[in-house]
Each structure stands twice: as structure tokens, then as C-alpha cells.
N, C-alpha and C. Protein backbone atom coordinates (compact mmCIF):
# COMPACT_ATOMS: atom_id res chain seq x y z
N MET A 1 145.09 -30.21 36.18
CA MET A 1 145.43 -29.95 34.72
C MET A 1 144.61 -28.62 34.28
N PRO A 2 145.21 -28.09 33.17
CA PRO A 2 144.64 -26.71 32.67
C PRO A 2 143.09 -26.96 32.64
N THR A 3 142.42 -25.61 32.92
CA THR A 3 140.98 -25.34 32.93
C THR A 3 140.88 -24.20 31.76
N ALA A 4 141.83 -23.66 31.70
CA ALA A 4 141.88 -22.43 30.72
C ALA A 4 142.63 -23.05 29.39
N SER A 5 142.43 -22.08 28.24
CA SER A 5 142.96 -22.77 27.08
C SER A 5 144.41 -22.20 26.83
N ASP A 6 144.79 -21.19 27.55
CA ASP A 6 146.12 -20.61 27.04
C ASP A 6 146.80 -20.53 28.31
N PRO A 7 148.09 -20.42 28.36
CA PRO A 7 149.08 -20.26 29.55
C PRO A 7 148.77 -19.25 30.39
N ALA A 8 148.64 -17.96 29.71
CA ALA A 8 148.64 -16.78 30.33
C ALA A 8 147.23 -16.79 31.28
N THR A 9 146.15 -17.36 30.75
CA THR A 9 144.88 -17.30 31.43
C THR A 9 144.91 -18.32 32.66
N PHE A 10 145.50 -19.36 32.41
CA PHE A 10 145.58 -20.39 33.34
C PHE A 10 146.46 -20.01 34.54
N TRP A 11 147.49 -19.28 34.31
CA TRP A 11 148.37 -18.58 35.48
C TRP A 11 147.53 -17.37 36.08
N ASP A 12 147.04 -16.71 35.25
CA ASP A 12 146.34 -15.63 35.97
C ASP A 12 145.35 -16.00 36.69
N GLU A 13 144.50 -16.98 36.35
CA GLU A 13 143.43 -17.57 37.29
C GLU A 13 143.99 -18.01 38.56
N LEU A 14 145.02 -18.93 38.44
CA LEU A 14 145.56 -19.52 39.53
C LEU A 14 146.02 -18.47 40.59
N TYR A 15 146.91 -17.36 40.10
CA TYR A 15 147.28 -16.20 41.21
C TYR A 15 146.31 -15.35 41.66
N ARG A 16 145.23 -15.34 40.92
CA ARG A 16 144.08 -14.56 41.35
C ARG A 16 143.52 -15.52 42.48
N ARG A 17 143.18 -16.71 42.36
CA ARG A 17 142.65 -17.54 43.28
C ARG A 17 143.13 -17.53 44.51
N ARG A 18 144.77 -17.33 44.44
CA ARG A 18 145.49 -17.54 45.59
C ARG A 18 145.58 -16.24 46.49
N GLY A 19 145.08 -15.28 45.56
CA GLY A 19 144.92 -13.80 46.31
C GLY A 19 146.42 -13.36 46.49
N GLY A 20 146.19 -12.12 47.37
CA GLY A 20 147.63 -11.17 47.13
C GLY A 20 148.24 -11.17 48.71
N GLY A 21 148.16 -12.38 49.27
CA GLY A 21 148.76 -12.52 50.63
C GLY A 21 150.28 -12.56 50.40
N GLU A 22 151.00 -12.51 51.52
CA GLU A 22 152.28 -12.55 51.71
C GLU A 22 153.12 -13.86 51.24
N ALA A 23 153.71 -13.70 50.13
CA ALA A 23 154.25 -14.94 49.54
C ALA A 23 155.69 -15.02 50.01
N ARG A 24 156.02 -16.25 50.34
CA ARG A 24 157.25 -16.75 51.05
C ARG A 24 158.29 -17.00 50.20
N ALA A 25 159.62 -16.69 50.38
CA ALA A 25 160.60 -17.15 49.73
C ALA A 25 161.05 -18.71 49.68
N ASN A 26 161.23 -19.16 48.58
CA ASN A 26 161.46 -20.65 48.43
C ASN A 26 162.84 -20.94 49.14
N PRO A 27 162.75 -21.98 50.02
CA PRO A 27 163.84 -22.28 50.96
C PRO A 27 165.11 -22.52 50.31
N LEU A 28 165.04 -23.15 49.11
CA LEU A 28 166.22 -23.39 48.58
C LEU A 28 166.86 -22.46 47.84
N LEU A 29 166.07 -21.31 47.55
CA LEU A 29 166.46 -20.12 46.97
C LEU A 29 167.28 -19.35 47.91
N THR A 30 167.01 -19.50 49.34
CA THR A 30 167.54 -18.55 50.39
C THR A 30 168.70 -19.37 50.72
N GLU A 31 168.65 -20.72 50.70
CA GLU A 31 170.01 -21.56 51.20
C GLU A 31 170.98 -21.34 50.20
N VAL A 32 170.76 -21.17 48.88
CA VAL A 32 171.69 -21.05 47.79
C VAL A 32 172.31 -19.65 47.95
N ALA A 33 171.33 -18.74 47.86
CA ALA A 33 171.66 -17.17 47.50
C ALA A 33 172.13 -16.59 48.93
N GLY A 34 171.68 -17.24 50.10
CA GLY A 34 172.03 -16.52 51.48
C GLY A 34 173.48 -16.02 51.41
N PRO A 35 174.46 -17.16 51.27
CA PRO A 35 176.00 -16.94 51.51
C PRO A 35 176.52 -15.93 50.43
N LEU A 36 175.91 -15.37 49.29
CA LEU A 36 176.32 -14.74 48.15
C LEU A 36 176.46 -13.19 48.56
N THR A 37 177.31 -12.73 48.07
CA THR A 37 177.42 -11.34 47.95
C THR A 37 176.45 -10.82 47.07
N PRO A 38 175.47 -9.81 47.37
CA PRO A 38 174.27 -9.37 46.45
C PRO A 38 174.82 -8.87 45.22
N GLY A 39 174.27 -9.05 43.96
CA GLY A 39 174.57 -8.43 42.78
C GLY A 39 173.06 -8.35 41.88
N THR A 40 173.20 -8.86 40.73
CA THR A 40 172.19 -8.83 39.84
C THR A 40 171.44 -10.16 39.90
N ALA A 41 170.20 -10.45 39.90
CA ALA A 41 169.50 -11.59 39.76
C ALA A 41 168.11 -11.53 38.73
N LEU A 42 168.15 -12.69 38.16
CA LEU A 42 166.90 -13.07 37.42
C LEU A 42 166.20 -14.03 38.13
N ASP A 43 164.93 -13.65 38.24
CA ASP A 43 163.92 -14.70 38.72
C ASP A 43 162.91 -15.14 37.60
N LEU A 44 163.27 -16.27 37.24
CA LEU A 44 162.28 -16.73 35.93
C LEU A 44 161.16 -17.57 36.64
N GLY A 45 159.94 -17.01 36.09
CA GLY A 45 158.69 -17.57 36.68
C GLY A 45 158.43 -17.04 38.00
N CYS A 46 158.40 -15.87 38.39
CA CYS A 46 158.70 -15.10 39.52
C CYS A 46 157.20 -15.43 40.49
N GLY A 47 156.01 -15.87 39.86
CA GLY A 47 154.82 -16.01 40.49
C GLY A 47 154.58 -14.74 41.39
N ALA A 48 154.09 -15.21 42.59
CA ALA A 48 153.55 -14.24 43.49
C ALA A 48 154.79 -13.37 44.26
N GLY A 49 156.08 -13.75 43.83
CA GLY A 49 157.02 -12.80 44.20
C GLY A 49 157.80 -13.05 45.31
N GLY A 50 157.64 -14.32 46.06
CA GLY A 50 158.21 -14.39 47.26
C GLY A 50 159.84 -14.20 47.12
N ASP A 51 160.29 -14.77 46.29
CA ASP A 51 161.80 -15.01 45.91
C ASP A 51 162.36 -13.84 45.84
N THR A 52 161.68 -12.76 44.90
CA THR A 52 162.18 -11.57 44.39
C THR A 52 162.22 -10.55 45.52
N ILE A 53 161.15 -10.55 46.38
CA ILE A 53 161.15 -9.78 47.69
C ILE A 53 162.33 -10.16 48.65
N TRP A 54 162.61 -11.21 48.80
CA TRP A 54 163.58 -11.73 49.56
C TRP A 54 164.82 -11.48 48.98
N LEU A 55 165.10 -11.56 47.85
CA LEU A 55 166.48 -11.00 47.25
C LEU A 55 166.51 -9.34 47.26
N ALA A 56 165.60 -9.08 47.04
CA ALA A 56 165.51 -7.22 47.02
C ALA A 56 166.01 -6.90 48.43
N ARG A 57 165.32 -7.54 49.44
CA ARG A 57 165.39 -6.97 50.82
C ARG A 57 167.09 -7.34 51.16
N HIS A 58 167.56 -8.31 50.64
CA HIS A 58 169.01 -8.71 50.99
C HIS A 58 169.98 -8.02 49.87
N GLY A 59 169.47 -7.12 49.36
CA GLY A 59 170.40 -6.19 48.60
C GLY A 59 170.71 -6.54 47.20
N TRP A 60 169.85 -7.42 46.58
CA TRP A 60 170.04 -7.88 45.18
C TRP A 60 169.15 -6.71 44.41
N HIS A 61 169.79 -6.65 43.21
CA HIS A 61 168.84 -6.01 42.15
C HIS A 61 168.33 -7.17 41.35
N VAL A 62 167.04 -7.26 41.24
CA VAL A 62 166.26 -8.32 40.62
C VAL A 62 165.31 -7.99 39.49
N THR A 63 165.53 -8.81 38.28
CA THR A 63 164.65 -8.79 37.15
C THR A 63 163.64 -9.94 37.45
N ALA A 64 162.33 -9.74 37.58
CA ALA A 64 161.55 -10.67 37.73
C ALA A 64 160.65 -10.70 36.80
N VAL A 65 160.37 -12.04 36.12
CA VAL A 65 159.48 -12.39 35.00
C VAL A 65 158.48 -13.59 35.26
N ASP A 66 157.17 -13.10 34.60
CA ASP A 66 156.37 -14.16 34.72
C ASP A 66 155.26 -14.01 33.60
N ILE A 67 154.90 -15.30 33.04
CA ILE A 67 153.74 -14.95 31.97
C ILE A 67 152.45 -14.30 32.53
N SER A 68 152.27 -14.31 33.81
CA SER A 68 151.08 -14.02 34.49
C SER A 68 150.97 -12.42 34.74
N ALA A 69 150.15 -11.60 34.00
CA ALA A 69 150.25 -10.23 34.20
C ALA A 69 149.85 -9.97 35.79
N ALA A 70 148.80 -10.96 36.20
CA ALA A 70 148.24 -10.70 37.52
C ALA A 70 149.44 -11.02 38.52
N ALA A 71 150.68 -11.73 38.40
CA ALA A 71 151.64 -12.22 39.29
C ALA A 71 152.51 -10.80 39.09
N VAL A 72 152.83 -10.51 37.85
CA VAL A 72 153.84 -9.44 37.83
C VAL A 72 153.29 -8.20 38.38
N ASP A 73 151.81 -7.85 38.05
CA ASP A 73 151.44 -6.54 38.73
C ASP A 73 151.32 -6.55 40.16
N GLY A 74 151.14 -7.64 40.72
CA GLY A 74 151.04 -7.93 42.15
C GLY A 74 152.35 -7.74 42.92
N LEU A 75 153.44 -8.34 42.34
CA LEU A 75 154.73 -8.20 42.47
C LEU A 75 155.07 -6.68 42.57
N ALA A 76 154.97 -5.96 41.59
CA ALA A 76 155.37 -4.50 41.23
C ALA A 76 154.77 -3.76 42.69
N ARG A 77 153.34 -3.96 42.75
CA ARG A 77 152.50 -3.20 43.97
C ARG A 77 153.40 -3.63 45.25
N ARG A 78 153.57 -4.76 45.27
CA ARG A 78 154.39 -5.16 46.72
C ARG A 78 155.57 -4.44 46.91
N GLY A 79 156.33 -4.58 45.85
CA GLY A 79 157.58 -3.95 45.79
C GLY A 79 157.50 -2.33 46.07
N ARG A 80 156.69 -1.62 45.55
CA ARG A 80 156.34 -0.17 45.88
C ARG A 80 155.93 -0.14 47.30
N ALA A 81 155.00 -0.81 47.90
CA ALA A 81 154.73 -0.87 49.07
C ALA A 81 155.73 -0.92 50.20
N GLU A 82 156.67 -1.89 49.89
CA GLU A 82 157.80 -2.17 50.94
C GLU A 82 158.93 -1.19 50.58
N GLY A 83 158.88 -0.28 49.64
CA GLY A 83 160.06 0.55 49.35
C GLY A 83 161.34 0.05 48.61
N LEU A 84 160.96 -1.17 47.95
CA LEU A 84 161.75 -1.99 47.12
C LEU A 84 161.87 -1.62 45.66
N ALA A 85 161.06 -0.83 45.12
CA ALA A 85 160.87 -0.87 43.95
C ALA A 85 162.08 -0.48 43.16
N PRO A 86 163.10 0.40 43.57
CA PRO A 86 164.42 0.70 42.99
C PRO A 86 165.10 -0.63 42.60
N ARG A 87 164.91 -1.56 43.55
CA ARG A 87 165.61 -2.95 43.30
C ARG A 87 164.94 -4.05 42.59
N ILE A 88 163.78 -3.63 41.91
CA ILE A 88 162.98 -4.56 41.39
C ILE A 88 162.45 -4.17 39.97
N ARG A 89 162.73 -5.02 38.87
CA ARG A 89 162.16 -4.86 37.61
C ARG A 89 161.33 -6.00 37.26
N ALA A 90 160.12 -5.68 37.25
CA ALA A 90 159.13 -6.79 37.20
C ALA A 90 158.51 -6.61 35.66
N GLU A 91 158.46 -7.80 34.90
CA GLU A 91 158.25 -7.71 33.48
C GLU A 91 157.52 -8.96 33.19
N ARG A 92 156.60 -8.92 32.37
CA ARG A 92 155.61 -10.09 31.96
C ARG A 92 156.20 -10.44 30.58
N HIS A 93 156.62 -11.81 30.64
CA HIS A 93 157.38 -12.54 29.46
C HIS A 93 156.72 -13.77 29.31
N ASP A 94 156.41 -14.20 27.94
CA ASP A 94 156.26 -15.49 27.76
C ASP A 94 157.41 -16.02 27.26
N LEU A 95 158.16 -16.77 28.23
CA LEU A 95 159.36 -17.27 27.87
C LEU A 95 159.62 -18.03 26.65
N ALA A 96 158.45 -18.68 26.01
CA ALA A 96 158.53 -19.47 24.78
C ALA A 96 158.80 -18.41 23.58
N THR A 97 158.39 -17.12 23.91
CA THR A 97 158.76 -16.17 22.65
C THR A 97 159.57 -14.86 23.15
N THR A 98 159.63 -14.58 24.28
CA THR A 98 160.57 -13.33 24.61
C THR A 98 161.51 -13.68 25.97
N PHE A 99 162.41 -12.83 26.07
CA PHE A 99 163.31 -13.17 27.26
C PHE A 99 164.01 -11.78 27.71
N PRO A 100 163.90 -11.44 28.96
CA PRO A 100 164.39 -10.32 29.28
C PRO A 100 165.87 -9.98 28.91
N ASP A 101 165.86 -8.66 28.77
CA ASP A 101 167.49 -8.10 28.59
C ASP A 101 168.16 -8.06 29.96
N GLY A 102 169.47 -8.05 29.75
CA GLY A 102 170.52 -8.01 31.11
C GLY A 102 171.34 -9.22 31.06
N THR A 103 172.43 -8.98 31.99
CA THR A 103 173.32 -10.16 32.48
C THR A 103 173.32 -10.10 34.09
N PHE A 104 173.44 -11.21 34.42
CA PHE A 104 173.15 -11.62 35.81
C PHE A 104 174.13 -12.55 36.64
N ASP A 105 174.36 -12.18 37.92
CA ASP A 105 175.05 -12.94 38.80
C ASP A 105 174.40 -14.30 39.14
N LEU A 106 173.23 -14.28 39.21
CA LEU A 106 172.36 -15.31 39.74
C LEU A 106 171.23 -15.41 38.82
N VAL A 107 170.72 -16.44 38.31
CA VAL A 107 169.56 -16.98 37.63
C VAL A 107 168.78 -18.01 38.53
N SER A 108 167.44 -17.76 38.97
CA SER A 108 166.88 -18.81 39.64
C SER A 108 165.62 -19.19 38.84
N ALA A 109 165.38 -20.42 38.58
CA ALA A 109 164.16 -20.88 38.08
C ALA A 109 163.77 -21.82 39.08
N GLN A 110 162.69 -21.32 39.81
CA GLN A 110 161.99 -22.03 40.89
C GLN A 110 160.88 -22.66 40.57
N TYR A 111 160.73 -23.91 40.19
CA TYR A 111 159.47 -24.68 39.78
C TYR A 111 158.88 -24.10 38.36
N LEU A 112 159.81 -23.80 37.50
CA LEU A 112 159.48 -23.54 36.05
C LEU A 112 158.76 -24.63 35.35
N GLN A 113 157.74 -25.15 35.84
CA GLN A 113 157.03 -26.13 35.03
C GLN A 113 155.61 -25.88 34.85
N THR A 114 155.14 -26.25 33.83
CA THR A 114 153.84 -25.81 33.24
C THR A 114 153.16 -27.03 32.45
N PRO A 115 151.84 -27.14 32.60
CA PRO A 115 151.06 -28.09 31.73
C PRO A 115 151.03 -27.76 30.37
N PHE A 116 151.75 -26.44 29.86
CA PHE A 116 151.63 -26.07 28.49
C PHE A 116 152.92 -26.29 27.90
N THR A 117 152.79 -26.55 26.60
CA THR A 117 154.15 -26.88 25.86
C THR A 117 155.21 -25.57 25.86
N LEU A 118 156.37 -26.02 26.42
CA LEU A 118 157.22 -25.04 26.61
C LEU A 118 158.63 -25.68 26.49
N ASP A 119 159.62 -25.18 25.41
CA ASP A 119 160.95 -25.66 25.43
C ASP A 119 161.89 -25.15 26.52
N ARG A 120 161.60 -25.94 27.62
CA ARG A 120 162.25 -25.42 28.94
C ARG A 120 163.88 -25.50 28.83
N ASP A 121 164.40 -26.46 28.32
CA ASP A 121 165.72 -26.55 28.05
C ASP A 121 166.30 -25.29 27.34
N ALA A 122 165.55 -25.20 26.26
CA ALA A 122 165.94 -23.84 25.53
C ALA A 122 165.97 -22.60 26.50
N VAL A 123 165.01 -22.54 27.11
CA VAL A 123 164.78 -21.13 27.94
C VAL A 123 165.76 -21.13 29.16
N LEU A 124 166.11 -22.31 29.69
CA LEU A 124 167.29 -22.36 30.61
C LEU A 124 168.73 -22.19 29.93
N ARG A 125 169.01 -22.59 28.61
CA ARG A 125 170.19 -22.25 27.96
C ARG A 125 170.29 -20.71 27.69
N THR A 126 169.29 -20.18 27.45
CA THR A 126 169.15 -18.66 27.19
C THR A 126 169.53 -18.07 28.48
N ALA A 127 168.85 -18.63 29.60
CA ALA A 127 169.42 -17.90 30.96
C ALA A 127 170.63 -18.15 31.20
N ALA A 128 171.09 -19.33 30.86
CA ALA A 128 172.66 -19.59 31.14
C ALA A 128 173.47 -18.68 30.52
N ARG A 129 173.47 -18.24 29.27
CA ARG A 129 174.09 -17.46 28.36
C ARG A 129 173.97 -16.04 28.94
N ALA A 130 173.16 -15.68 29.79
CA ALA A 130 172.94 -14.27 30.43
C ALA A 130 173.75 -14.03 31.57
N LEU A 131 174.31 -15.17 32.05
CA LEU A 131 175.02 -15.32 33.41
C LEU A 131 176.45 -14.72 33.17
N ARG A 132 176.85 -13.71 34.10
CA ARG A 132 178.34 -13.31 33.91
C ARG A 132 179.22 -14.57 34.38
N PRO A 133 180.45 -14.31 33.94
CA PRO A 133 181.29 -15.43 34.59
C PRO A 133 181.40 -15.62 36.04
N GLY A 134 181.31 -16.72 36.40
CA GLY A 134 181.14 -17.08 37.76
C GLY A 134 179.78 -17.11 38.46
N GLY A 135 178.80 -16.68 37.41
CA GLY A 135 177.54 -16.70 37.99
C GLY A 135 176.94 -17.99 38.26
N LEU A 136 175.91 -18.04 38.94
CA LEU A 136 175.06 -19.15 39.43
C LEU A 136 173.70 -19.32 38.52
N LEU A 137 173.35 -20.59 38.05
CA LEU A 137 172.16 -21.00 37.57
C LEU A 137 171.64 -21.97 38.53
N LEU A 138 170.47 -21.83 39.19
CA LEU A 138 169.86 -22.50 40.01
C LEU A 138 168.47 -22.87 39.68
N VAL A 139 168.35 -24.21 39.34
CA VAL A 139 167.10 -24.80 39.02
C VAL A 139 166.26 -25.64 40.03
N VAL A 140 165.13 -25.33 40.49
CA VAL A 140 164.59 -26.23 41.60
C VAL A 140 163.27 -26.60 41.00
N ASP A 141 163.01 -27.97 40.79
CA ASP A 141 161.78 -28.65 40.17
C ASP A 141 161.15 -29.30 41.29
N HIS A 142 159.66 -29.50 41.09
CA HIS A 142 159.19 -30.31 41.97
C HIS A 142 159.39 -31.82 41.52
N GLY A 143 159.95 -32.43 42.46
CA GLY A 143 160.22 -33.77 42.54
C GLY A 143 158.97 -34.85 43.12
N SER A 144 158.08 -34.18 43.39
CA SER A 144 156.88 -34.98 43.69
C SER A 144 155.57 -34.26 43.72
N VAL A 145 154.50 -34.64 43.79
CA VAL A 145 153.01 -34.28 43.65
C VAL A 145 152.81 -33.69 44.97
N ALA A 146 152.59 -32.46 45.35
CA ALA A 146 152.03 -31.88 46.76
C ALA A 146 150.67 -31.86 46.42
N PRO A 147 149.95 -31.74 47.62
CA PRO A 147 148.52 -31.76 47.74
C PRO A 147 148.06 -30.44 47.07
N TRP A 148 148.69 -29.46 47.32
CA TRP A 148 148.23 -28.15 46.46
C TRP A 148 148.79 -27.89 45.19
N SER A 149 149.38 -28.83 44.65
CA SER A 149 150.14 -28.61 43.23
C SER A 149 148.92 -28.49 42.03
N TRP A 150 148.98 -27.80 41.09
CA TRP A 150 148.16 -27.60 40.00
C TRP A 150 148.30 -29.11 39.43
N ASN A 151 149.40 -29.99 39.52
CA ASN A 151 149.60 -31.09 38.85
C ASN A 151 149.12 -32.20 39.64
N GLN A 152 148.29 -32.90 39.68
CA GLN A 152 147.83 -33.83 40.66
C GLN A 152 147.78 -35.37 40.07
N ASP A 153 148.55 -35.33 38.94
CA ASP A 153 148.55 -36.63 38.29
C ASP A 153 149.63 -37.44 39.01
N PRO A 154 149.25 -38.63 39.65
CA PRO A 154 150.05 -39.47 40.45
C PRO A 154 151.25 -40.11 39.50
N ASP A 155 151.00 -40.37 38.24
CA ASP A 155 151.93 -40.90 37.49
C ASP A 155 152.94 -39.92 36.71
N ALA A 156 152.84 -38.80 37.27
CA ALA A 156 153.84 -37.87 36.46
C ALA A 156 155.15 -38.23 37.06
N ARG A 157 156.05 -38.10 35.74
CA ARG A 157 157.41 -38.58 35.92
C ARG A 157 158.33 -37.06 36.08
N HIS A 158 159.31 -37.19 37.28
CA HIS A 158 160.12 -35.99 37.67
C HIS A 158 161.43 -36.44 37.09
N PRO A 159 161.93 -35.51 36.13
CA PRO A 159 163.45 -35.76 35.90
C PRO A 159 164.28 -35.63 37.09
N THR A 160 165.44 -36.24 37.14
CA THR A 160 166.37 -36.20 38.17
C THR A 160 167.29 -34.78 37.72
N ALA A 161 167.97 -34.25 38.78
CA ALA A 161 168.88 -33.38 38.53
C ALA A 161 169.89 -33.65 37.39
N ALA A 162 170.40 -34.69 37.50
CA ALA A 162 171.19 -35.11 36.19
C ALA A 162 170.81 -35.13 34.90
N GLU A 163 169.43 -35.58 34.89
CA GLU A 163 168.66 -35.42 33.71
C GLU A 163 168.60 -34.12 33.07
N ILE A 164 168.21 -33.23 33.96
CA ILE A 164 167.96 -31.71 33.69
C ILE A 164 169.32 -31.29 33.18
N ALA A 165 170.54 -31.57 33.80
CA ALA A 165 171.76 -31.11 33.48
C ALA A 165 172.00 -31.57 31.99
N ALA A 166 171.67 -32.81 32.01
CA ALA A 166 171.92 -33.57 30.54
C ALA A 166 171.17 -32.67 29.33
N GLY A 167 169.94 -32.44 29.62
CA GLY A 167 168.99 -31.78 28.75
C GLY A 167 169.58 -30.43 28.33
N LEU A 168 170.13 -29.78 29.28
CA LEU A 168 170.75 -28.44 28.96
C LEU A 168 171.74 -28.62 27.98
N GLY A 169 172.63 -29.59 27.94
CA GLY A 169 173.69 -29.66 27.05
C GLY A 169 174.81 -28.71 27.08
N LEU A 170 175.13 -28.20 28.29
CA LEU A 170 176.04 -27.11 28.32
C LEU A 170 177.46 -27.62 28.20
N ASP A 171 178.37 -27.03 27.73
CA ASP A 171 179.73 -27.42 27.48
C ASP A 171 180.40 -27.78 29.00
N PRO A 172 180.82 -28.75 29.23
CA PRO A 172 181.31 -29.03 30.56
C PRO A 172 182.73 -28.21 30.81
N ASP A 173 183.25 -27.77 29.83
CA ASP A 173 184.67 -26.92 30.26
C ASP A 173 184.15 -25.73 30.54
N GLY A 174 182.88 -25.27 30.32
CA GLY A 174 182.38 -23.79 30.73
C GLY A 174 181.55 -23.76 32.02
N TRP A 175 181.13 -24.88 32.46
CA TRP A 175 180.12 -25.00 33.45
C TRP A 175 180.53 -25.99 34.38
N ALA A 176 180.38 -25.74 35.78
CA ALA A 176 180.66 -26.83 36.81
C ALA A 176 179.46 -27.21 37.61
N VAL A 177 179.24 -28.36 37.87
CA VAL A 177 178.13 -28.75 38.44
C VAL A 177 178.18 -28.75 39.95
N GLU A 178 177.67 -27.56 40.80
CA GLU A 178 178.04 -27.51 42.14
C GLU A 178 177.06 -28.33 43.05
N ARG A 179 175.83 -28.69 42.63
CA ARG A 179 175.00 -29.45 43.28
C ARG A 179 173.86 -30.25 42.28
N ALA A 180 173.55 -31.29 42.62
CA ALA A 180 172.59 -32.08 41.88
C ALA A 180 172.01 -33.13 42.77
N ASP A 181 170.70 -32.84 43.41
CA ASP A 181 170.37 -33.79 44.22
C ASP A 181 168.65 -33.59 44.27
N GLU A 182 168.20 -34.59 45.30
CA GLU A 182 166.70 -34.49 45.29
C GLU A 182 166.41 -34.46 47.00
N PRO A 183 166.50 -33.61 47.42
CA PRO A 183 166.22 -33.69 48.99
C PRO A 183 164.77 -33.73 49.36
N ARG A 184 164.66 -34.15 50.42
CA ARG A 184 163.24 -34.04 50.95
C ARG A 184 163.03 -32.88 52.18
N ARG A 185 161.92 -32.27 52.15
CA ARG A 185 161.65 -31.64 53.24
C ARG A 185 160.14 -31.41 53.50
N LEU A 186 160.02 -30.84 54.84
CA LEU A 186 158.28 -30.42 55.22
C LEU A 186 157.97 -29.17 54.64
N ALA A 187 156.97 -29.13 53.87
CA ALA A 187 156.56 -27.98 52.97
C ALA A 187 155.17 -27.61 53.70
N THR A 188 154.87 -26.23 53.52
CA THR A 188 153.53 -25.63 53.75
C THR A 188 153.10 -25.09 52.50
N GLY A 189 151.94 -25.50 52.10
CA GLY A 189 151.29 -24.90 50.92
C GLY A 189 150.59 -23.55 51.19
N PRO A 190 150.13 -23.04 50.11
CA PRO A 190 149.49 -21.57 50.12
C PRO A 190 148.27 -21.61 50.87
N ASP A 191 147.57 -22.82 51.13
CA ASP A 191 146.34 -22.95 51.91
C ASP A 191 146.68 -23.45 53.48
N GLY A 192 148.08 -23.48 53.71
CA GLY A 192 148.41 -23.91 55.14
C GLY A 192 148.55 -25.25 55.53
N ARG A 193 148.24 -26.03 54.42
CA ARG A 193 148.46 -27.59 54.50
C ARG A 193 149.97 -27.97 54.48
N THR A 194 150.33 -28.97 55.04
CA THR A 194 151.72 -29.39 55.16
C THR A 194 152.00 -30.92 54.69
N ALA A 195 153.00 -31.14 53.91
CA ALA A 195 153.29 -32.46 53.44
C ALA A 195 154.59 -32.25 53.23
N THR A 196 155.17 -33.67 53.37
CA THR A 196 156.64 -34.02 52.95
C THR A 196 156.82 -34.07 51.52
N VAL A 197 157.63 -33.25 50.71
CA VAL A 197 157.83 -33.15 49.33
C VAL A 197 159.21 -33.56 48.92
N VAL A 198 159.43 -33.76 47.72
CA VAL A 198 160.86 -33.88 47.16
C VAL A 198 160.96 -32.79 46.25
N ASP A 199 162.38 -32.10 46.35
CA ASP A 199 162.67 -31.12 45.34
C ASP A 199 163.85 -31.53 44.73
N THR A 200 163.95 -31.28 43.30
CA THR A 200 165.10 -31.58 42.51
C THR A 200 165.92 -30.41 42.20
N VAL A 201 167.38 -30.45 42.63
CA VAL A 201 168.04 -29.09 42.88
C VAL A 201 169.13 -29.40 41.89
N LEU A 202 169.58 -28.38 41.13
CA LEU A 202 170.45 -28.36 40.10
C LEU A 202 171.17 -26.88 40.41
N VAL A 203 172.57 -26.84 40.68
CA VAL A 203 173.04 -25.65 40.55
C VAL A 203 174.47 -25.83 39.70
N LEU A 204 174.47 -24.78 38.71
CA LEU A 204 175.57 -24.74 37.77
C LEU A 204 176.13 -23.54 37.97
N ARG A 205 177.63 -23.49 37.77
CA ARG A 205 178.33 -22.15 38.04
C ARG A 205 178.96 -22.01 36.60
N ARG A 206 179.07 -20.80 36.01
CA ARG A 206 179.57 -20.52 34.86
C ARG A 206 180.97 -20.36 35.04
N ALA A 207 181.99 -20.72 34.28
CA ALA A 207 183.31 -20.60 34.33
C ALA A 207 183.80 -19.21 34.33
N GLY A 208 184.79 -18.85 35.27
CA GLY A 208 185.21 -17.40 35.39
C GLY A 208 185.43 -17.02 36.85
N ALA A 209 185.47 -15.84 36.97
CA ALA A 209 185.70 -15.47 38.56
C ALA A 209 184.56 -16.11 39.44
N ALA A 210 184.78 -16.53 40.38
CA ALA A 210 183.76 -17.05 41.43
C ALA A 210 182.97 -16.06 42.18
N ALA A 211 181.75 -16.39 42.28
CA ALA A 211 180.81 -15.39 42.85
C ALA A 211 181.40 -15.23 44.31
N THR A 212 181.28 -14.06 44.81
CA THR A 212 181.67 -13.73 46.09
C THR A 212 180.79 -14.18 47.32
N HIS A 213 181.30 -14.61 48.25
CA HIS A 213 180.34 -15.26 49.30
C HIS A 213 180.67 -14.29 50.38
N ARG A 214 179.68 -14.05 51.23
CA ARG A 214 179.78 -13.28 52.38
C ARG A 214 180.80 -13.82 53.50
N SER A 215 181.56 -13.10 54.29
CA SER A 215 182.39 -13.44 55.19
C SER A 215 181.77 -13.91 56.35
């Protein structure tokens, strides 16, 4: 649970403790985005930037946002070092108060969970409205407590994918649920430990022209 009094300080301290090592892309991001033709993406809560870097390497133009200045600055440096700066726009946002400009083909919210007060449903509804017709909203949550998680509460309740979808309250005539499940996988934490974890996955498509898949 938080040792800092405000969200920005908490997340800054966490990312500084983890250092600036190579951040890996989340496997469910690569699984969902891999078949898509690259376009514009929004990475909500980008953290150390593994997803943003993966997307940029695969041809996407990415707006990456996080409340942590340490995370955003580190991602921007890494993007420049890898020659990806033209494809990455890294911005600091407290999503409780501000939201990035633009429209997107893909919005990814990977583990956008916090010990601080945040109306996440409202944030995700705003993100959904920023999608172009045919665009995908990908939400992946922790469905279990990993040994390296900031949340070590064994009694923590993890909403199901169906509950997340219900909380968004999106018009079913304008949105199609393409995936809603809770798969298990063997994961490796930032300290190298491994554990079997549960992910909660929700994929929604905005009505309109379907996103193009690679052949």
C-alpha cells in the first residue's frame, strides 16, 4: 500500500526503485495488437514504457501517458536512444484531471490500477470516445496478487471482465465485446521472480469500419 502521500510521488518512487532497465511489453498487448495494421495508439499508464516501445518498433505512432514524471522522462529518453522519437509522444497526465488530445485506432490500458482514488470508469469512457470507428479498447487488469505487486492485500477483490464492461456503461449498439475472460499465465516480475498470475482481459470494438489485420 502507499508509503507516499500523493499518487505522483508514489509512482515516481516505484519507477525509480525499479531503475531504468529494459521494460518488456505486456504479453496481452502483443497478442491483441500483433495482428493489427499499425495506426495510432494511446498507452494509458505507460509506466516504464515496454508497450509503447514495442508498438513504436512495429510501426505504430504512440501517445504514452503516465502520472509519473520519472516514467515519462525515462520513456522519452529510451525512445530517443532507439531512434523511435518520431513515433512516440510521451506526456505526463494525472488522468483524474487531464487527458491527452487526439484520436486513436487502439487504446491500451494495461494494469491501470492504483491505490489512490481514481474514477477509472470515467477515464476509460473518455478513452473510448477518443477511438476512431472500428478502433479497439484493450483493458487488462491484475486478476490476482503477484509477489512483486504494489498491492499485497490477499483479500483484494478483482472485478471480472464482465463487471468492467458493465461499469463503463457503453451503448451496446455502438460497441462490440470481442473478448472478456480471465486467463492464467506464468509471469516474470521486475526482480526476476516467476509466478502464475491471472489477467482480466476486456477488448471492445467501436462500431464502424473494422480495424485492418495483417495478411
